[in-house]
Protein backbone atom coordinates (compact mmCIF):
# COMPACT_ATOMS: atom_id res chain seq x y z
CA MET A 1 -76.53 37.56 -62.12
CA ARG A 2 -80.17 38.51 -62.51
CA ILE A 3 -81.05 36.84 -59.19
CA ASN A 4 -78.31 38.77 -57.42
CA LYS A 5 -79.69 42.05 -58.73
CA VAL A 6 -83.23 41.16 -57.61
CA THR A 7 -81.93 40.10 -54.20
CA LYS A 8 -79.98 43.32 -53.78
CA SER A 9 -83.04 45.32 -54.82
CA LEU A 10 -85.24 43.51 -52.28
CA LEU A 11 -82.66 43.99 -49.54
CA ASN A 12 -82.46 47.72 -50.32
CA ILE A 13 -86.25 47.97 -50.08
CA MET A 14 -86.35 46.01 -46.81
CA ARG A 15 -83.80 48.38 -45.30
CA GLN A 16 -86.24 51.27 -45.65
CA TYR A 17 -88.76 52.00 -42.90
CA HIS A 18 -91.47 52.50 -45.56
CA PHE A 19 -91.44 48.76 -46.25
CA TRP A 20 -92.03 47.89 -42.58
CA LEU A 21 -94.71 50.55 -42.26
CA ILE A 22 -96.60 49.06 -45.23
CA LEU A 23 -96.17 45.56 -43.77
CA ALA A 24 -97.58 46.76 -40.43
CA MET A 25 -100.61 48.22 -42.22
CA PHE A 26 -101.26 44.92 -43.98
CA ILE A 27 -101.01 42.98 -40.69
CA ILE A 28 -103.47 45.29 -38.92
CA ILE A 29 -105.97 45.15 -41.81
CA LEU A 30 -105.50 41.34 -42.07
CA VAL A 31 -106.42 40.99 -38.37
CA LEU A 32 -109.48 43.20 -38.93
CA HIS A 33 -110.53 40.93 -41.83
CA TYR A 34 -110.18 37.68 -39.88
CA PRO A 35 -110.74 38.51 -36.17
CA GLN A 36 -112.13 35.02 -35.43
CA GLN A 37 -108.90 33.40 -36.56
CA PHE A 38 -106.89 35.30 -33.97
CA CYS A 39 -107.62 33.92 -30.46
CA PHE A 40 -106.79 37.20 -28.73
CA TRP A 41 -109.47 38.94 -30.82
CA THR A 42 -112.43 36.62 -30.07
CA SER A 43 -114.05 39.21 -27.87
CA LEU A 44 -114.85 41.24 -30.99
CA GLU A 45 -117.40 38.61 -32.05
CA THR A 46 -119.83 39.83 -29.41
CA SER A 47 -118.59 43.36 -29.17
CA SER A 48 -120.58 46.28 -30.58
CA TRP A 49 -117.38 48.41 -30.73
CA PHE A 50 -116.89 47.80 -34.46
CA SER A 51 -120.24 47.00 -35.98
CA SER A 52 -119.00 46.65 -39.55
CA LEU A 53 -116.47 43.84 -38.87
CA ASN A 54 -118.91 41.18 -40.06
CA ARG A 55 -119.30 42.92 -43.44
CA HIS A 56 -115.63 44.08 -43.69
CA SER A 57 -116.47 47.03 -46.01
CA LEU A 58 -114.35 49.51 -44.08
CA GLU A 59 -111.39 47.12 -43.90
CA ARG A 60 -111.44 46.70 -47.68
CA VAL A 61 -111.37 50.48 -48.14
CA LEU A 62 -108.52 50.70 -45.63
CA LEU A 63 -106.43 48.49 -47.95
CA LEU A 64 -106.21 51.44 -50.32
CA ILE A 65 -103.90 53.12 -47.78
CA PRO A 66 -100.94 50.69 -48.05
CA ILE A 67 -101.52 50.34 -51.82
CA THR A 68 -101.39 54.11 -52.29
CA TYR A 69 -98.41 54.47 -49.97
CA ALA A 70 -96.45 51.72 -51.72
CA SER A 71 -97.23 53.10 -55.18
CA PHE A 72 -96.19 56.60 -54.11
CA ILE A 73 -92.94 55.52 -52.43
CA PHE A 74 -91.76 52.56 -54.52
CA GLY A 75 -93.52 53.03 -57.85
CA LEU A 76 -95.89 51.13 -60.11
CA LYS A 77 -94.50 47.62 -59.48
CA ALA A 78 -94.91 47.99 -55.74
CA GLY A 79 -98.44 49.31 -56.26
CA ILE A 80 -99.36 46.26 -58.39
CA ILE A 81 -97.80 43.83 -55.87
CA THR A 82 -99.66 45.41 -52.93
CA THR A 83 -102.89 45.36 -54.96
CA ILE A 84 -102.46 41.61 -55.56
CA ILE A 85 -101.71 41.04 -51.87
CA SER A 86 -104.82 43.04 -50.96
CA ALA A 87 -106.90 40.91 -53.32
CA PHE A 88 -105.64 37.74 -51.60
CA ILE A 89 -106.56 39.26 -48.24
CA MET A 90 -110.06 40.32 -49.32
CA LEU A 91 -111.26 37.42 -51.48
CA PRO A 92 -111.44 34.57 -48.88
CA ALA A 93 -113.43 36.72 -46.49
CA ALA A 94 -115.71 37.94 -49.29
CA ILE A 95 -116.38 34.50 -50.78
CA PHE A 96 -116.42 32.13 -47.78
CA MET A 97 -117.15 34.24 -44.71
CA SER A 98 -119.44 37.09 -45.76
CA ASP A 99 -123.20 37.00 -45.41
CA TYR A 100 -123.33 39.32 -48.43
CA THR A 101 -121.18 37.43 -50.91
CA LEU A 102 -122.17 39.27 -54.10
CA ASP A 103 -121.90 42.70 -52.49
CA SER A 104 -118.55 41.77 -50.96
CA ILE A 105 -117.15 40.57 -54.32
CA LEU A 106 -118.32 43.79 -55.96
CA GLU A 107 -116.63 45.76 -53.19
CA VAL A 108 -113.40 43.81 -53.75
CA ILE A 109 -113.56 44.52 -57.48
CA GLY A 110 -114.24 48.20 -56.71
CA VAL A 111 -111.23 48.41 -54.41
CA ILE A 112 -109.01 46.73 -57.05
CA VAL A 113 -110.28 49.11 -59.77
CA VAL A 114 -109.71 52.16 -57.58
CA ALA A 115 -106.26 50.83 -56.67
CA GLY A 116 -105.48 50.35 -60.37
CA ILE A 117 -106.56 53.92 -61.17
CA MET A 118 -104.47 55.29 -58.31
CA ASN A 119 -101.47 53.20 -59.38
CA TYR A 120 -101.77 54.50 -62.94
CA TRP A 121 -102.14 58.11 -61.74
CA PHE A 122 -99.05 57.82 -59.55
CA TYR A 123 -97.21 56.17 -62.45
CA ILE A 124 -98.04 59.04 -64.83
CA ASN A 125 -97.25 61.62 -62.16
CA ASN A 126 -93.90 59.94 -61.37
CA GLN A 127 -93.12 59.78 -65.08
CA ASN A 128 -93.74 63.53 -65.37
CA ILE A 129 -91.63 64.20 -62.29
CA THR A 130 -88.87 62.00 -63.67
CA LYS A 131 -89.00 63.74 -67.03
CA ARG A 132 -88.89 67.12 -65.35
CA LYS A 133 -85.97 66.07 -63.16
CA ASN A 134 -84.15 64.63 -66.18
CA ALA A 135 -84.78 67.83 -68.11
CA GLU A 136 -83.54 69.90 -65.19
CA GLU A 137 -80.48 67.68 -64.87
CA MET A 138 -79.80 67.95 -68.60
CA GLN A 139 -80.29 71.71 -68.40
CA ARG A 140 -77.87 71.86 -65.47
CA LYS A 141 -75.27 69.83 -67.36
CA ILE A 142 -75.63 72.01 -70.45
CA ILE A 143 -75.42 75.22 -68.45
CA ASP A 144 -72.48 73.99 -66.38
CA GLY A 145 -70.69 72.75 -69.47
CA THR A 146 -70.93 75.96 -71.47
CA PRO A 147 -67.97 78.35 -71.34
CA ILE A 148 -70.40 81.27 -71.46
CA ALA A 149 -71.27 82.84 -68.10
CA THR A 150 -74.86 81.72 -67.51
CA PHE A 151 -77.41 81.68 -64.72
CA VAL A 152 -81.11 80.81 -64.40
CA ILE A 153 -83.73 82.37 -62.14
CA ASP A 154 -87.27 81.20 -61.43
CA LYS A 155 -90.43 83.31 -61.41
CA HIS A 156 -89.64 84.39 -57.84
CA HIS A 157 -86.26 85.72 -59.02
CA LYS A 158 -84.39 83.01 -57.12
CA VAL A 159 -81.28 81.55 -58.72
CA THR A 160 -81.64 77.90 -59.74
CA HIS A 161 -78.45 77.55 -61.83
CA TRP A 162 -75.13 79.38 -61.57
CA ASN A 163 -72.42 77.89 -63.76
CA THR A 164 -68.65 77.86 -63.29
CA ALA A 165 -68.10 80.49 -66.00
CA ILE A 166 -70.15 83.08 -64.12
CA GLU A 167 -68.39 82.04 -60.91
CA ALA A 168 -65.12 83.03 -62.56
CA LEU A 169 -66.59 86.26 -63.95
CA SER A 170 -68.34 87.41 -60.78
CA GLY A 171 -66.25 85.83 -58.03
CA ASN A 172 -69.45 84.50 -56.40
CA LYS A 173 -69.48 80.77 -55.66
CA ARG A 174 -72.46 78.63 -56.63
CA GLU A 175 -73.22 77.44 -53.10
CA GLU A 176 -73.46 81.09 -51.98
CA ILE A 177 -75.87 82.05 -54.75
CA ILE A 178 -78.22 79.12 -55.46
CA GLY A 179 -81.64 79.72 -53.90
CA THR A 180 -81.05 83.40 -53.17
CA SER A 181 -83.13 86.21 -54.62
CA ASN A 182 -81.17 89.24 -53.37
CA GLN A 183 -77.65 88.28 -52.41
CA TRP A 184 -76.55 87.46 -55.96
CA ARG A 185 -77.57 90.94 -57.19
CA ALA A 186 -74.51 92.35 -55.44
CA PHE A 187 -72.74 91.31 -58.62
CA TYR A 188 -75.06 93.63 -60.56
CA ASN A 189 -76.42 96.35 -58.35
CA LYS A 190 -73.72 98.97 -58.83
CA LYS A 191 -75.13 100.52 -61.98
CA THR A 192 -76.21 97.67 -64.24
CA PRO A 193 -79.82 96.37 -64.01
CA VAL A 194 -80.42 92.64 -64.36
CA LEU A 195 -81.93 92.01 -67.79
CA ALA A 196 -83.51 88.72 -66.67
CA ASP A 197 -85.26 90.59 -63.81
CA LEU A 198 -86.69 93.12 -66.24
CA LEU A 199 -87.90 90.30 -68.50
CA LEU A 200 -89.66 88.49 -65.62
CA ASP A 201 -91.22 91.74 -64.41
CA GLY A 202 -92.74 92.27 -67.88
CA ALA A 203 -90.87 95.49 -68.58
CA SER A 204 -91.55 97.01 -71.99
CA GLU A 205 -88.89 97.29 -74.68
CA GLN A 206 -88.79 101.06 -74.13
CA GLU A 207 -88.18 100.60 -70.40
CA ILE A 208 -85.42 98.07 -71.02
CA LYS A 209 -83.82 100.34 -73.62
CA ALA A 210 -83.93 103.23 -71.18
CA ARG A 211 -82.26 101.15 -68.46
CA TYR A 212 -79.58 99.98 -70.88
CA LYS A 213 -79.03 103.39 -72.50
CA GLN A 214 -80.69 102.53 -75.81
CA SER A 215 -78.46 99.47 -76.38
CA CYS A 216 -81.24 96.92 -75.92
CA ARG A 217 -82.73 95.03 -78.88
CA ARG A 218 -84.93 92.00 -79.38
CA SER A 219 -82.96 88.83 -80.01
CA PRO A 220 -83.48 87.51 -83.56
CA LEU A 221 -82.95 83.89 -82.40
CA ILE A 222 -85.40 83.38 -79.52
CA ALA A 223 -88.95 84.73 -79.31
CA GLY A 224 -89.37 87.04 -76.34
CA ALA A 225 -85.63 87.27 -75.66
CA TYR A 226 -83.66 90.51 -75.35
CA GLU A 227 -80.04 91.44 -75.93
CA ALA A 228 -78.24 94.42 -74.47
CA GLU A 229 -74.73 95.70 -73.87
CA ASN A 230 -73.43 97.80 -71.05
CA LEU A 231 -70.20 98.99 -69.49
CA PHE A 232 -69.70 97.01 -66.29
CA LEU A 233 -67.55 99.40 -64.28
CA ASP A 234 -67.13 97.12 -61.26
CA LEU A 235 -65.39 94.20 -62.95
CA SER A 236 -62.05 95.96 -63.28
CA ALA A 237 -60.50 99.37 -62.86
CA ARG A 238 -60.95 100.22 -66.55
CA GLY A 239 -64.32 98.50 -66.87
CA LYS A 240 -65.57 95.67 -69.06
CA TRP A 241 -68.21 95.65 -71.76
CA LEU A 242 -70.65 92.78 -71.35
CA ASN A 243 -73.26 91.47 -73.75
CA PHE A 244 -76.38 90.37 -71.86
CA THR A 245 -78.97 87.99 -73.33
CA ALA A 246 -82.11 87.16 -71.32
CA SER A 247 -84.36 84.38 -72.63
CA PRO A 248 -87.74 83.49 -71.08
CA ILE A 249 -88.58 80.02 -69.77
CA LYS A 250 -92.26 79.26 -70.40
CA ASN A 251 -94.59 76.52 -69.24
CA GLY A 252 -97.11 74.72 -71.43
CA ASN A 253 -99.56 77.62 -71.11
CA GLY A 254 -97.05 80.15 -72.38
CA GLU A 255 -96.58 81.72 -68.93
CA ILE A 256 -93.07 82.92 -68.15
CA ILE A 257 -91.85 80.90 -65.15
CA GLY A 258 -88.18 81.83 -65.26
CA ALA A 259 -85.38 83.29 -67.33
CA VAL A 260 -81.93 82.33 -68.56
CA GLU A 261 -79.32 85.06 -68.77
CA THR A 262 -75.93 84.81 -70.44
CA LEU A 263 -73.07 87.27 -70.11
CA ILE A 264 -70.30 87.51 -72.70
CA ASP A 265 -67.25 89.68 -72.29
CA VAL A 266 -67.14 91.81 -75.46
CA THR A 267 -64.55 94.32 -74.23
CA GLU A 268 -62.07 93.50 -76.99
CA ARG A 269 -64.75 93.76 -79.64
CA LYS A 270 -65.97 97.09 -78.26
CA ASN A 271 -62.41 98.40 -78.19
CA ALA A 272 -61.98 97.30 -81.80
CA GLU A 273 -65.27 99.00 -82.70
CA ASP A 274 -64.20 102.18 -80.92
CA ASN A 275 -60.88 102.11 -82.77
CA LEU A 276 -62.70 101.56 -86.04
CA LYS A 277 -65.08 104.44 -85.29
CA PHE A 278 -62.16 106.69 -84.44
CA TYR A 279 -60.43 105.64 -87.65
CA LEU A 280 -63.61 106.24 -89.66
CA LYS A 281 -64.10 109.58 -87.94
CA GLU A 282 -60.56 110.64 -88.81
CA ILE A 283 -61.02 109.47 -92.41
CA THR A 284 -64.28 111.42 -92.66
CA LYS A 285 -62.64 114.46 -91.13
CA ALA A 286 -59.73 114.23 -93.58
CA GLN A 287 -62.17 113.72 -96.42
CA GLU A 288 -64.14 116.82 -95.45
CA GLU A 289 -60.93 118.83 -95.12
CA GLU A 290 -59.89 117.70 -98.58
CA ARG A 291 -63.34 118.59 -99.94
CA LYS A 292 -63.04 121.99 -98.34
CA ARG A 293 -59.58 122.53 -99.85
CA ILE A 294 -60.72 121.44 -103.33
CA ALA A 295 -63.85 123.59 -103.09
CA ARG A 296 -61.78 126.59 -102.06
CA GLU A 297 -59.32 126.02 -104.91
CA LEU A 298 -62.14 125.62 -107.39
CA HIS A 299 -63.71 128.85 -106.16
CA ASP A 300 -60.53 130.88 -105.73
CA GLU A 301 -58.48 129.65 -108.67
CA THR A 302 -60.41 127.67 -111.27
CA ALA A 303 -63.54 129.79 -111.16
CA GLN A 304 -61.53 133.02 -111.10
CA ASN A 305 -59.44 131.90 -114.06
CA LEU A 306 -62.58 131.05 -116.00
CA ILE A 307 -64.06 134.45 -115.14
CA ALA A 308 -60.87 136.11 -116.34
CA LEU A 309 -61.01 134.08 -119.56
CA LEU A 310 -64.61 135.15 -120.10
CA HIS A 311 -63.65 138.81 -119.65
CA GLN A 312 -60.81 138.42 -122.14
CA LEU A 313 -63.10 136.84 -124.71
CA GLU A 314 -65.72 139.52 -124.14
CA ASN A 315 -63.11 142.29 -124.53
CA MET A 316 -61.71 140.70 -127.66
CA LEU A 317 -65.14 140.41 -129.22
CA ASN A 318 -65.98 144.01 -128.34
CA SER A 319 -62.65 145.37 -129.64
CA LYS A 320 -62.80 143.56 -132.95
CA GLU A 321 -66.12 144.58 -134.34
CA GLN A 322 -65.06 143.79 -137.90
CA LEU A 323 -64.56 140.07 -137.27
CA PRO A 324 -66.16 137.83 -139.85
CA ILE A 325 -69.56 136.63 -138.75
CA LYS A 326 -68.52 132.97 -138.73
CA GLU A 327 -65.51 133.57 -136.50
CA ALA A 328 -67.54 135.83 -134.22
CA GLN A 329 -70.21 133.15 -133.82
CA GLY A 330 -67.54 130.59 -132.99
CA LEU A 331 -66.06 132.85 -130.33
CA TRP A 332 -69.48 133.55 -128.80
CA LYS A 333 -70.14 129.79 -128.64
CA LEU A 334 -66.81 129.37 -126.93
CA TYR A 335 -67.79 132.18 -124.53
CA GLU A 336 -71.09 130.45 -123.71
CA HIS A 337 -69.36 127.10 -123.27
CA ILE A 338 -66.86 128.57 -120.84
CA ARG A 339 -69.72 130.24 -118.97
CA ASP A 340 -71.47 126.86 -118.66
CA ILE A 341 -68.24 125.34 -117.37
CA LEU A 342 -68.01 128.14 -114.81
CA GLN A 343 -71.53 127.40 -113.62
CA SER A 344 -70.69 123.68 -113.29
CA VAL A 345 -67.51 124.49 -111.37
CA ARG A 346 -69.43 126.76 -108.99
CA HIS A 347 -72.10 124.09 -108.48
CA PHE A 348 -69.48 121.41 -107.95
CA SER A 349 -67.69 123.65 -105.46
CA ARG A 350 -70.88 124.24 -103.51
CA ASP A 351 -71.58 120.47 -103.46
CA LEU A 352 -68.14 119.75 -102.12
CA ARG A 353 -68.42 122.27 -99.30
CA PRO A 354 -71.03 125.01 -99.43
CA SER A 355 -69.77 128.19 -97.89
CA ILE A 356 -73.31 128.89 -96.68
CA LEU A 357 -72.97 125.99 -94.22
CA ASP A 358 -69.84 127.45 -92.64
CA ASP A 359 -71.10 131.03 -92.71
CA LEU A 360 -74.79 130.73 -91.79
CA GLY A 361 -75.30 127.23 -90.40
CA LEU A 362 -77.38 124.11 -91.01
CA LEU A 363 -80.84 125.51 -91.72
CA PRO A 364 -79.84 127.96 -94.50
CA ALA A 365 -77.75 125.17 -96.05
CA LEU A 366 -80.75 122.82 -95.98
CA GLU A 367 -82.90 125.54 -97.54
CA TRP A 368 -80.33 125.84 -100.32
CA LEU A 369 -80.47 122.04 -100.86
CA THR A 370 -84.27 121.97 -101.10
CA ASP A 371 -84.30 124.94 -103.49
CA ASP A 372 -81.70 123.24 -105.66
CA LEU A 373 -83.80 120.05 -105.87
CA LYS A 374 -86.84 122.12 -106.77
CA THR A 375 -85.04 124.25 -109.38
CA ASN A 376 -82.80 121.72 -111.09
CA HIS A 377 -84.79 118.49 -110.75
CA TRP A 378 -88.39 119.79 -110.75
CA VAL A 379 -89.35 118.08 -107.47
CA GLN A 380 -91.65 120.16 -105.29
CA THR A 381 -89.65 120.28 -102.06
CA SER A 382 -90.46 121.88 -98.71
CA LEU A 383 -88.48 122.53 -95.54
CA LYS A 384 -90.24 122.54 -92.15
CA VAL A 385 -88.58 123.40 -88.83
CA THR A 386 -90.10 122.78 -85.39
CA GLY A 387 -88.75 123.44 -81.92
CA LYS A 388 -86.37 126.14 -80.80
CA GLU A 389 -83.81 126.75 -83.54
CA ARG A 390 -80.15 126.64 -82.52
CA ARG A 391 -76.69 126.24 -83.97
CA LEU A 392 -75.04 122.86 -83.51
CA SER A 393 -71.39 121.94 -83.42
CA THR A 394 -69.52 122.23 -86.71
CA GLU A 395 -69.07 118.46 -86.89
CA ALA A 396 -72.76 117.75 -86.18
CA GLU A 397 -74.01 120.33 -88.68
CA LEU A 398 -71.70 118.99 -91.36
CA SER A 399 -72.79 115.36 -90.74
CA LEU A 400 -76.50 116.22 -90.76
CA PHE A 401 -76.02 118.32 -93.90
CA ARG A 402 -74.32 115.39 -95.66
CA ILE A 403 -77.12 113.04 -94.58
CA VAL A 404 -79.81 115.31 -96.02
CA GLN A 405 -77.69 116.01 -99.11
CA GLU A 406 -77.29 112.30 -99.87
CA SER A 407 -81.00 111.65 -99.22
CA LEU A 408 -82.06 114.41 -101.62
CA ARG A 409 -79.51 113.25 -104.18
CA ASN A 410 -81.07 109.77 -104.04
CA ILE A 411 -84.48 111.34 -104.60
CA ALA A 412 -83.19 113.23 -107.64
CA LYS A 413 -81.48 110.19 -109.16
CA HIS A 414 -83.70 107.23 -108.30
CA ALA A 415 -87.02 108.10 -106.66
CA LYS A 416 -88.94 109.58 -109.65
CA ALA A 417 -90.80 111.59 -107.05
CA GLU A 418 -93.05 114.59 -107.54
CA HIS A 419 -92.94 115.82 -103.96
CA ALA A 420 -90.37 115.71 -101.19
CA SER A 421 -90.10 117.23 -97.73
CA VAL A 422 -87.40 117.85 -95.15
CA THR A 423 -88.52 118.19 -91.51
CA VAL A 424 -86.12 119.34 -88.78
CA GLU A 425 -87.20 119.01 -85.15
CA PHE A 426 -85.12 120.54 -82.36
CA ALA A 427 -85.74 118.93 -78.96
CA ASP A 428 -83.99 119.62 -75.67
CA ASP A 429 -81.57 116.70 -75.95
CA ASN A 430 -81.66 115.68 -79.61
CA THR A 431 -82.24 116.78 -83.18
CA THR A 432 -84.45 114.78 -85.53
CA ILE A 433 -84.44 115.11 -89.31
CA ALA A 434 -86.88 113.32 -91.62
CA VAL A 435 -86.55 113.30 -95.43
CA THR A 436 -89.65 111.96 -97.18
CA ASP A 437 -90.63 111.49 -100.83
CA ASP A 438 -93.55 110.00 -102.78
CA GLY A 439 -91.37 108.17 -105.29
CA VAL A 440 -91.09 104.55 -106.39
CA GLY A 441 -89.48 103.34 -103.17
CA PHE A 442 -87.68 100.00 -102.86
CA GLN A 443 -87.72 96.75 -100.90
CA LEU A 444 -85.71 97.07 -97.71
CA PRO A 445 -83.58 94.13 -96.53
CA ASP A 446 -84.32 92.64 -93.11
CA ASN A 447 -81.04 94.03 -91.79
CA LEU A 448 -79.61 97.44 -92.69
CA ALA A 449 -76.17 95.84 -92.63
CA ALA A 450 -77.14 94.15 -95.91
CA LEU A 451 -77.58 97.50 -97.73
CA PRO A 452 -74.19 97.29 -99.51
CA GLN A 453 -75.11 93.86 -100.86
CA ILE A 454 -78.12 95.28 -102.73
CA GLY A 455 -76.17 98.24 -104.07
CA LYS A 456 -77.42 100.88 -101.59
CA LEU A 457 -73.98 102.34 -100.92
CA GLY A 458 -75.34 105.84 -100.39
CA LEU A 459 -77.61 104.62 -97.58
CA THR A 460 -74.65 102.75 -96.11
CA GLY A 461 -72.78 106.07 -95.99
CA LEU A 462 -75.74 107.60 -94.16
CA GLN A 463 -75.64 104.81 -91.60
CA GLU A 464 -71.93 105.36 -90.98
CA ARG A 465 -72.38 109.10 -90.46
CA VAL A 466 -75.28 108.52 -88.06
CA GLN A 467 -73.17 106.05 -86.07
CA LEU A 468 -70.38 108.61 -85.82
CA LEU A 469 -72.92 111.03 -84.34
CA GLY A 470 -74.07 108.37 -81.88
CA GLY A 471 -77.58 108.61 -83.28
CA GLU A 472 -80.23 106.31 -84.72
CA LEU A 473 -81.14 105.76 -88.37
CA GLU A 474 -84.50 104.44 -89.51
CA ILE A 475 -85.37 103.87 -93.16
CA LYS A 476 -88.93 103.15 -94.24
CA SER A 477 -89.64 102.22 -97.83
CA GLU A 478 -91.92 100.01 -99.89
CA PRO A 479 -92.21 99.64 -103.65
CA ASN A 480 -94.46 102.41 -105.08
CA LYS A 481 -95.02 103.88 -101.60
CA GLY A 482 -92.10 106.28 -101.31
CA THR A 483 -89.23 106.43 -98.85
CA THR A 484 -88.60 108.07 -95.49
CA VAL A 485 -85.14 108.52 -93.99
CA LEU A 486 -85.36 109.37 -90.26
CA VAL A 487 -82.29 110.44 -88.30
CA LYS A 488 -82.26 111.08 -84.57
CA ALA A 489 -79.00 112.50 -83.24
CA PRO A 490 -78.16 113.41 -79.60
CA VAL A 491 -77.06 116.94 -80.51
């Protein structure tokens, strides 16, 4: 069985023209080594055409050609075999026929050493090539086998892999796309930039975010990778939401030599998120309407009834001047207690829905909040406004008011701060509000989604309101270094 395999292998080699070319080289060099032994070459003995034939130095060096060629084409074993054959060709002439025996033997040894070095170099190089090809083949199998739409581009932006999943998603066949650098972009070039292109071009995170309408973020799984989502209007009449992930391919020096991009259809998830946002928006709206109703009832009925009760007590005390001192003191205490209740009801009513917000707008309402924190909680609080002041929509003003209200409430309850500030910046296309304190601060989790798990339900509410506005929330805090809540809303 083993002999049959060897025989088949030899026959396969002999069928290739490389084998016969190497054999022809050996025959020519053999004739040059032993011209006297070939009768048709006897004229070379007296010829001055090839002066070095007696020493055979050049012929020995020429043997490196078939050795190198065999090692390059057929591998290490062929290189070793041709080296041995070359040694058998060189040694008789060097030992028995040369006038410079020692020099000739040293030359033979030199040729064998050089041949060995070249064989080893080709072996290592072929091993690296084989490893690279195996890795590429494994990468191709992995990419083709994944159900996620995936493609790979090299540093020249040419497609090297295009799996069946992206064929189904795009409608572009692999044989039409592989090796192209422009044609495949027809799948993208309507409105969506190619994230892998931006990664290869070294675009900054800000540039990528701008191209993907602020949806881009760094991937937490792979260093240097980016994730983004975008509405792909061309995939269907109603459009599909795709999640893009571009990961860099780096060489040993850390240079980016390509990129892998995956595309996941997240339309159903986005629809579910939109439904959830709508549901949350309606709940918030109903909650605010209920707050408004309760605040109005507290102001119009409860507070008025308490005021009427106070007037009745005051009239009774004034009309009965001869009341015993003890009873009079009890009634006055009751009067003061009712008055305190009235103050609490008014304060509670304002917290639920301050009329100043509906009547005068966001800035006067924020001024009322900062004054309240300063008066009732002894925290020195300031309000600063920059940009051109303007009224916002009722929904936006209410959401921003609630965000600042919750932030200041957290300062009053937990921060133990001495100073706090509220900064409102009006820009052309957005409004930014920053609430800062110098209190005890706290340790932020790595992900804001984990806020409920550490008991920060108020901050979770802030995040939900910011999401409803379509804005961005940033919280900065460290133990004993205070806290900053930064909200940027497109209003």
